[in-house]
Amino acid sequence: MAPVNHNGLRRGGHVVLAAASATVVLGLAGCSIDLSNLRPGGGEPEPSPETAEPVAAAPLVDQALSDLSDYQGLVATGQIAESVGADVRDTSLTVADGGTASGTIRSGSIEADVISADGRIFIRALEDFWLDQGVFAPDFDEFNDNWVRASSAQAGINPSAVLAPPVLAEILGGLELESDEAVEENLDGTLTHRVDLAGERNQMWIDAETGQVKRIAIEELVPPEGETGPQVRLDLAEAETTAVEELYDGVIAATTDELGSSRDARIEVGWEGQADMTCEDGPNCTWSGTVRDAAGTGSGKVAVRMDVTFSNSEIGEKTCSDSGTLEAGGTLDLSCGADYNIVSSTQQTYTIDGSATLSTSGLTGGQQESMLEALDEQREATLSGAEEPSEDESEEDGGN
């Protein structure tokens, strides 16, 4: 094989480590909205309670939560915020008893589709949605109007973790009563019993006719065994069987046809320092580098892939790739090589250029298969009326 002149390798401008980019962060600094002044369906103030005979709160709550825990699914519409004082978003979600959910969230004028299932959240939105949150990724160009795996903080809520009917009933049942009496109140033309719960501005409205929970306003809806949760003000309604069927059909179709090509926004993936390119006789070239959680605020584990191209105008291109899993706050070493393996009777010198790109995957092939299996099992359990415990997703970012 012909030896390679190492002094001829271009390690300056020709060795491309990563494309330079700038992140534009849009938003209103120091601006927050008090959910106590908001209500599902608009910004009108809460209706004044009508004077009426108080009724015992405990039996009303017990029956309403018992009914709620038996729902096949629920429809929740109103406002959410990732935490008290955070930006408020309008939302409309359908959530099955096993935790599978889909719907929309709206931040300002930007509406995004959301799917939550099997411990994962995916969002499909225009790139402005991600820019508003200051999200940067090496494959950001692929985010626009495509499914992207997201954290509960980026979505504003993990519906599977707090809105699955049996889970929500458990959470609400764990809140103590502020008053032993419920007060009759006309709510959007419907007679309800308002129940004041312990904590600042925690309330529940129960339909006086059906006995079902009609609205909740909770400062922090903390999932079981969780430590923090979103602020919510939501109208609730039992989902009809057709709506639950459509929910599962839609999520299964998206998982089958679209989520396999999704990206991942939960960790800001970037190079740590300079990558290294070396070439030996062949030319046999190797590219090595380390990627990291560049922001230091990521969550979960993200599948990362590095694609490298070696090129020379005379002998053409060679490619290689490497992949691995990057944990939030950690680093990941990646390395791959390619051998031109040129055999010549005379010594030749080649100048090899190299470039590398990084990308993420929101759902690997194995994860897609297991997610579809879980969805099929949950769908069958839900629609057959069998009891299916909601997946424990208070740690939804803990899996791959």
Protein backbone atom coordinates (compact mmCIF):
# COMPACT_ATOMS: atom_id res chain seq x y z
CA MET A 1 0.00 0.00 0.00
CA ALA A 2 1.13 3.52 -0.69
CA PRO A 3 2.24 5.46 2.36
CA VAL A 4 0.36 8.58 3.35
CA ASN A 5 2.19 11.84 3.83
CA HIS A 6 0.98 12.91 7.29
CA ASN A 7 2.21 16.43 6.80
CA GLY A 8 -0.18 16.78 3.91
CA LEU A 9 -3.31 16.13 6.01
CA ARG A 10 -5.56 19.16 6.24
CA ARG A 11 -6.50 19.50 9.90
CA GLY A 12 -7.42 23.16 9.74
CA GLY A 13 -10.33 24.41 7.72
CA HIS A 14 -10.96 21.05 6.07
CA VAL A 15 -11.62 19.08 9.25
CA VAL A 16 -15.23 20.01 9.99
CA LEU A 17 -16.21 19.38 13.58
CA ALA A 18 -19.71 20.81 13.64
CA ALA A 19 -21.68 23.44 11.84
CA ALA A 20 -21.83 26.75 13.62
CA SER A 21 -25.30 27.78 14.64
CA ALA A 22 -27.11 30.33 16.73
CA THR A 23 -30.06 29.80 18.97
CA VAL A 24 -32.71 32.49 19.07
CA VAL A 25 -34.67 32.52 22.28
CA LEU A 26 -38.04 34.15 22.03
CA GLY A 27 -40.15 34.91 25.05
CA LEU A 28 -41.18 37.43 27.62
CA ALA A 29 -38.67 37.78 30.39
CA GLY A 30 -40.12 38.09 33.82
CA CYS A 31 -43.66 37.54 32.60
CA SER A 32 -45.92 35.00 34.24
CA ILE A 33 -49.63 34.44 34.50
CA ASP A 34 -51.59 33.59 37.61
CA LEU A 35 -53.75 30.56 36.86
CA SER A 36 -56.16 31.60 39.56
CA ASN A 37 -57.51 34.24 37.18
CA LEU A 38 -57.99 31.83 34.31
CA ARG A 39 -60.66 29.35 33.56
CA PRO A 40 -61.11 26.70 30.86
CA GLY A 41 -62.60 28.15 27.73
CA GLY A 42 -61.58 31.75 28.19
CA GLY A 43 -60.40 34.48 30.48
CA GLU A 44 -63.67 35.38 32.11
CA PRO A 45 -63.76 35.47 35.94
CA GLU A 46 -65.23 32.59 37.88
CA PRO A 47 -69.00 32.85 38.40
CA SER A 48 -70.04 33.98 41.85
CA PRO A 49 -71.41 31.17 44.00
CA GLU A 50 -75.12 31.15 44.56
CA THR A 51 -76.40 31.19 48.10
CA ALA A 52 -77.61 27.68 48.92
CA GLU A 53 -77.68 25.06 51.64
CA PRO A 54 -74.19 23.56 52.16
CA VAL A 55 -73.89 19.81 51.75
CA ALA A 56 -71.37 17.34 53.17
CA ALA A 57 -68.27 17.34 50.96
CA ALA A 58 -66.72 13.95 51.81
CA PRO A 59 -69.50 11.71 50.38
CA LEU A 60 -69.62 13.79 47.19
CA VAL A 61 -65.86 13.57 46.72
CA ASP A 62 -65.68 9.85 47.49
CA GLN A 63 -68.37 8.99 44.94
CA ALA A 64 -67.01 11.35 42.28
CA LEU A 65 -63.48 9.97 42.56
CA SER A 66 -64.75 6.39 42.57
CA ASP A 67 -66.56 7.11 39.30
CA LEU A 68 -63.49 8.90 37.89
CA SER A 69 -61.20 5.95 38.60
CA ASP A 70 -63.49 3.71 36.53
CA TYR A 71 -63.43 5.89 33.39
CA GLN A 72 -62.05 4.23 30.26
CA GLY A 73 -60.73 7.66 29.41
CA LEU A 74 -61.29 11.32 30.05
CA VAL A 75 -61.20 14.55 28.07
CA ALA A 76 -59.42 17.44 29.76
CA THR A 77 -59.59 21.00 28.43
CA GLY A 78 -58.29 24.18 29.97
CA GLN A 79 -54.98 25.64 31.09
CA ILE A 80 -51.74 24.15 32.36
CA ALA A 81 -48.39 25.50 33.49
CA GLU A 82 -45.26 23.46 34.08
CA SER A 83 -45.07 24.96 37.58
CA VAL A 84 -46.52 27.82 39.60
CA GLY A 85 -45.56 31.08 37.89
CA ALA A 86 -44.52 29.41 34.61
CA ASP A 87 -46.05 30.31 31.26
CA VAL A 88 -49.66 29.19 30.90
CA ARG A 89 -50.71 27.04 27.96
CA ASP A 90 -54.12 26.09 26.67
CA THR A 91 -54.60 22.37 26.24
CA SER A 92 -57.07 19.77 25.10
CA LEU A 93 -56.21 16.16 25.85
CA THR A 94 -57.84 12.74 25.71
CA VAL A 95 -56.28 10.33 28.20
CA ALA A 96 -57.03 6.61 28.50
CA ASP A 97 -57.07 4.76 31.80
CA GLY A 98 -53.74 3.10 30.96
CA GLY A 99 -52.04 6.46 30.45
CA THR A 100 -52.01 6.75 26.66
CA ALA A 101 -52.84 10.32 25.68
CA SER A 102 -53.02 12.65 22.70
CA GLY A 103 -54.21 16.14 22.03
CA THR A 104 -52.90 19.66 21.65
CA ILE A 105 -51.13 22.32 23.65
CA ARG A 106 -51.03 25.97 22.67
CA SER A 107 -48.32 28.41 23.65
CA GLY A 108 -49.34 31.90 22.58
CA SER A 109 -50.37 31.58 18.94
CA ILE A 110 -48.44 28.34 18.38
CA GLU A 111 -50.36 25.09 18.62
CA ALA A 112 -48.58 21.76 18.95
CA ASP A 113 -49.75 18.16 18.77
CA VAL A 114 -48.75 15.93 21.67
CA ILE A 115 -48.62 12.17 22.23
CA SER A 116 -47.84 10.50 25.53
CA ALA A 117 -47.51 6.75 25.82
CA ASP A 118 -45.29 4.04 27.28
CA GLY A 119 -43.30 6.52 29.35
CA ARG A 120 -42.54 8.84 26.42
CA ILE A 121 -43.81 12.23 25.27
CA PHE A 122 -43.67 13.38 21.65
CA ILE A 123 -44.51 16.83 20.29
CA ARG A 124 -45.13 17.90 16.70
CA ALA A 125 -44.90 21.66 16.19
CA LEU A 126 -43.44 24.37 14.02
CA GLU A 127 -39.86 25.33 14.83
CA ASP A 128 -41.04 28.53 16.53
CA PHE A 129 -42.42 26.38 19.34
CA TRP A 130 -38.91 25.06 20.04
CA LEU A 131 -37.24 28.43 19.55
CA ASP A 132 -39.56 29.92 22.16
CA GLN A 133 -38.14 27.40 24.64
CA GLY A 134 -34.52 28.02 23.67
CA VAL A 135 -34.08 24.47 22.39
CA PHE A 136 -30.91 23.76 20.41
CA ALA A 137 -30.03 20.48 18.73
CA PRO A 138 -27.55 19.38 16.04
CA ASP A 139 -30.51 18.13 13.99
CA PHE A 140 -32.80 21.09 14.72
CA ASP A 141 -33.56 21.45 10.99
CA GLU A 142 -35.55 18.22 11.30
CA PHE A 143 -37.78 19.50 14.12
CA ASN A 144 -40.16 21.66 12.09
CA ASP A 145 -43.61 20.01 11.87
CA ASN A 146 -42.18 16.59 12.74
CA TRP A 147 -42.51 14.46 15.85
CA VAL A 148 -39.82 15.17 18.45
CA ARG A 149 -39.41 13.41 21.77
CA ALA A 150 -39.78 15.92 24.59
CA SER A 151 -39.58 16.19 28.35
CA SER A 152 -42.58 16.91 30.56
CA ALA A 153 -41.10 20.37 31.17
CA GLN A 154 -41.07 21.09 27.44
CA ALA A 155 -44.65 19.85 27.08
CA GLY A 156 -45.82 21.61 30.25
CA ILE A 157 -47.40 18.40 31.53
CA ASN A 158 -46.97 14.65 31.39
CA PRO A 159 -50.61 13.65 30.89
CA SER A 160 -49.90 9.95 31.37
CA ALA A 161 -48.44 10.61 34.80
CA VAL A 162 -51.21 12.82 36.22
CA LEU A 163 -54.35 12.65 34.04
CA ALA A 164 -54.94 8.93 33.53
CA PRO A 165 -58.34 8.53 35.28
CA PRO A 166 -57.29 6.13 38.08
CA VAL A 167 -54.10 8.13 38.71
CA LEU A 168 -55.92 11.46 38.80
CA ALA A 169 -58.50 9.99 41.19
CA GLU A 170 -55.66 8.83 43.45
CA ILE A 171 -53.98 12.24 43.39
CA LEU A 172 -57.18 14.13 44.16
CA GLY A 173 -58.12 11.63 46.83
CA GLY A 174 -54.84 12.33 48.57
CA LEU A 175 -55.71 16.01 49.06
CA GLU A 176 -57.39 16.83 52.34
CA LEU A 177 -60.62 18.81 52.50
CA GLU A 178 -60.26 22.46 53.45
CA SER A 179 -63.91 22.49 54.45
CA ASP A 180 -66.28 19.71 55.41
CA GLU A 181 -69.03 21.38 53.42
CA ALA A 182 -69.45 21.79 49.68
CA VAL A 183 -71.11 24.91 48.28
CA GLU A 184 -73.60 24.94 45.43
CA GLU A 185 -72.36 27.00 42.51
CA ASN A 186 -73.63 27.76 39.02
CA LEU A 187 -70.75 26.88 36.72
CA ASP A 188 -71.28 27.83 33.08
CA GLY A 189 -74.99 27.13 33.46
CA THR A 190 -74.49 23.84 35.27
CA LEU A 191 -75.34 23.40 38.94
CA THR A 192 -72.28 22.08 40.77
CA HIS A 193 -70.92 21.56 44.24
CA ARG A 194 -67.64 23.35 44.80
CA VAL A 195 -65.29 21.56 47.15
CA ASP A 196 -62.40 23.51 48.66
CA LEU A 197 -59.30 21.38 49.12
CA ALA A 198 -56.29 21.90 51.37
CA GLY A 199 -53.62 24.12 49.85
CA GLU A 200 -53.67 27.47 48.13
CA ARG A 201 -56.58 27.73 45.66
CA ASN A 202 -57.09 23.97 45.31
CA GLN A 203 -60.69 23.34 44.31
CA MET A 204 -62.91 20.75 42.69
CA TRP A 205 -66.34 21.20 41.13
CA ILE A 206 -68.70 18.21 41.10
CA ASP A 207 -71.75 18.12 38.84
CA ALA A 208 -74.83 18.18 41.10
CA GLU A 209 -76.82 15.98 38.71
CA THR A 210 -74.28 13.37 37.55
CA GLY A 211 -71.99 13.39 40.57
CA GLN A 212 -68.95 13.50 38.27
CA VAL A 213 -65.95 15.79 38.60
CA LYS A 214 -66.57 18.67 36.23
CA ARG A 215 -63.60 20.96 36.92
CA ILE A 216 -60.39 20.98 38.93
CA ALA A 217 -58.08 23.85 39.85
CA ILE A 218 -54.91 22.52 41.48
CA GLU A 219 -51.79 24.56 42.26
CA GLU A 220 -49.51 21.53 41.94
CA LEU A 221 -50.82 18.24 40.57
CA VAL A 222 -48.11 15.96 41.90
CA PRO A 223 -48.03 12.40 40.51
CA PRO A 224 -47.97 9.49 42.97
CA GLU A 225 -44.48 9.14 44.45
CA GLY A 226 -43.48 12.34 42.62
CA GLU A 227 -42.17 15.53 44.17
CA THR A 228 -43.41 18.23 41.79
CA GLY A 229 -46.21 18.61 39.29
CA PRO A 230 -47.93 21.04 36.93
CA GLN A 231 -50.42 23.73 37.84
CA VAL A 232 -53.74 22.95 36.19
CA ARG A 233 -57.20 24.39 35.70
CA LEU A 234 -59.13 21.87 33.66
CA ASP A 235 -62.65 20.92 32.72
CA LEU A 236 -63.08 17.14 32.83
CA ALA A 237 -65.50 14.88 31.01
CA GLU A 238 -65.75 11.13 30.66
CA ALA A 239 -64.55 10.08 27.19
CA GLU A 240 -66.91 8.01 25.09
CA THR A 241 -65.76 4.61 23.89
CA THR A 242 -65.45 5.87 20.30
CA ALA A 243 -63.12 8.64 21.47
CA VAL A 244 -60.93 6.14 23.31
CA GLU A 245 -60.81 3.90 20.24
CA GLU A 246 -59.79 6.86 18.09
CA LEU A 247 -57.14 7.78 20.65
CA TYR A 248 -55.48 4.37 20.48
CA ASP A 249 -55.86 4.12 16.70
CA GLY A 250 -54.15 7.48 16.24
CA VAL A 251 -51.27 6.84 18.66
CA ILE A 252 -50.63 3.35 17.26
CA ALA A 253 -50.63 4.70 13.69
CA ALA A 254 -48.20 7.48 14.61
CA THR A 255 -45.93 5.03 16.43
CA THR A 256 -45.94 2.68 13.45
CA ASP A 257 -45.49 5.21 10.66
CA GLU A 258 -43.86 8.34 12.10
CA LEU A 259 -42.21 8.08 15.50
CA GLY A 260 -39.42 5.86 14.17
CA SER A 261 -37.96 8.91 12.40
CA SER A 262 -38.49 11.29 15.33
CA ARG A 263 -35.69 13.34 16.91
CA ASP A 264 -35.02 14.02 20.60
CA ALA A 265 -34.99 17.46 22.26
CA ARG A 266 -34.53 16.39 25.89
CA ILE A 267 -30.75 16.90 25.90
CA GLU A 268 -28.79 19.62 24.10
CA VAL A 269 -26.24 17.43 22.32
CA GLY A 270 -22.96 19.12 21.41
CA TRP A 271 -19.24 18.44 20.96
CA GLU A 272 -16.95 18.60 23.95
CA GLY A 273 -13.77 20.32 22.77
CA GLN A 274 -12.27 19.43 19.40
CA ALA A 275 -12.77 16.14 17.62
CA ASP A 276 -9.68 14.33 16.29
CA MET A 277 -9.00 13.01 12.79
CA THR A 278 -6.01 10.83 11.97
CA CYS A 279 -4.95 8.97 8.82
CA GLU A 280 -2.47 6.18 8.29
CA ASP A 281 -1.34 4.19 5.22
CA GLY A 282 -4.25 3.15 3.07
CA PRO A 283 -5.37 5.92 3.49
CA ASN A 284 -6.98 4.53 6.65
CA CYS A 285 -8.67 7.39 8.50
CA THR A 286 -10.27 7.58 11.93
CA TRP A 287 -12.50 10.24 13.46
CA SER A 288 -12.93 10.42 17.23
CA GLY A 289 -14.83 12.86 19.40
CA THR A 290 -16.79 13.28 22.61
CA VAL A 291 -20.33 14.65 22.86
CA ARG A 292 -21.91 16.03 26.00
CA ASP A 293 -25.02 17.54 27.54
CA ALA A 294 -24.06 21.04 26.43
CA ALA A 295 -26.70 22.87 28.48
CA GLY A 296 -26.35 20.70 31.56
CA THR A 297 -30.11 20.80 32.06
CA GLY A 298 -31.18 17.78 30.04
CA SER A 299 -33.25 14.84 31.22
CA GLY A 300 -33.29 11.13 30.50
CA LYS A 301 -31.11 9.29 27.99
CA VAL A 302 -30.84 10.21 24.31
CA ALA A 303 -29.76 8.00 21.41
CA VAL A 304 -27.01 9.87 19.50
CA ARG A 305 -25.51 9.01 16.10
CA MET A 306 -22.36 10.39 14.48
CA ASP A 307 -21.96 10.22 10.69
CA VAL A 308 -18.52 10.94 9.26
CA THR A 309 -17.48 11.57 5.65
CA PHE A 310 -13.86 11.37 4.46
CA SER A 311 -13.24 12.83 1.01
CA ASN A 312 -10.59 13.42 -1.63
CA SER A 313 -11.17 14.79 -5.13
CA GLU A 314 -9.12 11.98 -6.72
CA ILE A 315 -10.08 8.90 -4.76
CA GLY A 316 -13.61 9.89 -3.72
CA GLU A 317 -15.51 9.52 -0.43
CA LYS A 318 -15.66 7.03 2.37
CA THR A 319 -18.17 7.10 5.22
CA CYS A 320 -18.49 5.61 8.68
CA SER A 321 -20.73 6.03 11.70
CA ASP A 322 -20.96 5.34 15.40
CA SER A 323 -23.76 5.65 17.91
CA GLY A 324 -24.46 5.42 21.60
CA THR A 325 -26.60 6.67 24.46
CA LEU A 326 -25.94 10.02 26.10
CA GLU A 327 -27.22 10.47 29.64
CA ALA A 328 -28.28 13.85 30.96
CA GLY A 329 -25.28 15.62 32.47
CA GLY A 330 -22.86 13.08 31.00
CA THR A 331 -20.57 12.53 28.03
CA LEU A 332 -20.33 9.95 25.25
CA ASP A 333 -17.23 8.95 23.26
CA LEU A 334 -17.77 8.23 19.57
CA SER A 335 -15.26 6.92 17.03
CA CYS A 336 -15.28 5.35 13.57
CA GLY A 337 -12.97 4.88 10.63
CA ALA A 338 -12.76 4.07 6.92
CA ASP A 339 -9.96 2.51 4.86
CA TYR A 340 -9.52 3.40 1.17
CA ASN A 341 -7.12 0.44 0.93
CA ILE A 342 -5.39 1.73 -2.21
CA VAL A 343 -2.68 -0.60 -3.54
CA SER A 344 -0.04 1.02 -5.79
CA SER A 345 3.45 0.15 -6.97
CA THR A 346 4.51 3.75 -6.47
CA GLN A 347 4.19 5.96 -3.42
CA GLN A 348 1.17 8.26 -3.49
CA THR A 349 0.22 11.13 -1.19
CA TYR A 350 -3.40 12.09 -0.64
CA THR A 351 -4.96 14.95 1.26
CA ILE A 352 -8.07 13.70 3.07
CA ASP A 353 -10.80 16.04 4.28
CA GLY A 354 -13.22 15.01 6.99
CA SER A 355 -16.54 16.19 8.40
CA ALA A 356 -18.92 14.85 11.00
CA THR A 357 -22.58 15.44 11.81
CA LEU A 358 -24.56 14.50 14.90
CA SER A 359 -28.19 13.45 15.07
CA THR A 360 -30.60 12.09 17.67
CA SER A 361 -33.32 9.47 17.63
CA GLY A 362 -36.53 9.83 19.59
CA LEU A 363 -37.46 6.15 19.20
CA THR A 364 -35.07 3.37 18.19
CA GLY A 365 -36.24 0.24 16.41
CA GLY A 366 -36.32 -1.87 19.56
CA GLN A 367 -38.15 0.83 21.50
CA GLN A 368 -40.70 1.18 18.72
CA GLU A 369 -41.45 -2.54 18.83
CA SER A 370 -41.89 -2.62 22.62
CA MET A 371 -44.00 0.55 22.53
CA LEU A 372 -46.39 -0.99 19.99
CA GLU A 373 -46.69 -4.13 22.10
CA ALA A 374 -47.52 -2.05 25.17
CA LEU A 375 -50.10 0.00 23.26
CA ASP A 376 -51.81 -3.14 21.94
CA GLU A 377 -52.01 -4.57 25.46
CA GLN A 378 -53.36 -1.33 26.95
CA ARG A 379 -55.90 -0.92 24.16
CA GLU A 380 -57.25 -4.43 24.69
CA ALA A 381 -57.39 -3.98 28.47
CA THR A 382 -59.10 -0.59 28.25
CA LEU A 383 -61.74 -1.50 25.70
CA SER A 384 -62.47 -4.86 27.28
CA GLY A 385 -63.19 -3.08 30.57
CA ALA A 386 -60.34 -4.86 32.39
CA GLU A 387 -58.48 -2.97 35.03
CA GLU A 388 -55.13 -1.79 33.69
CA PRO A 389 -52.89 0.07 36.12
CA SER A 390 -51.57 3.28 34.62
CA GLU A 391 -47.89 3.16 33.78
CA ASP A 392 -45.75 4.83 36.44
CA GLU A 393 -44.41 7.76 34.50
CA SER A 394 -43.51 10.20 37.21
CA GLU A 395 -39.97 9.32 36.14
CA GLU A 396 -40.81 9.36 32.42
CA ASP A 397 -37.39 10.64 31.50
CA GLY A 398 -35.58 7.80 33.23
CA GLY A 399 -35.76 5.34 30.33
CA ASN A 400 -34.03 5.37 26.98
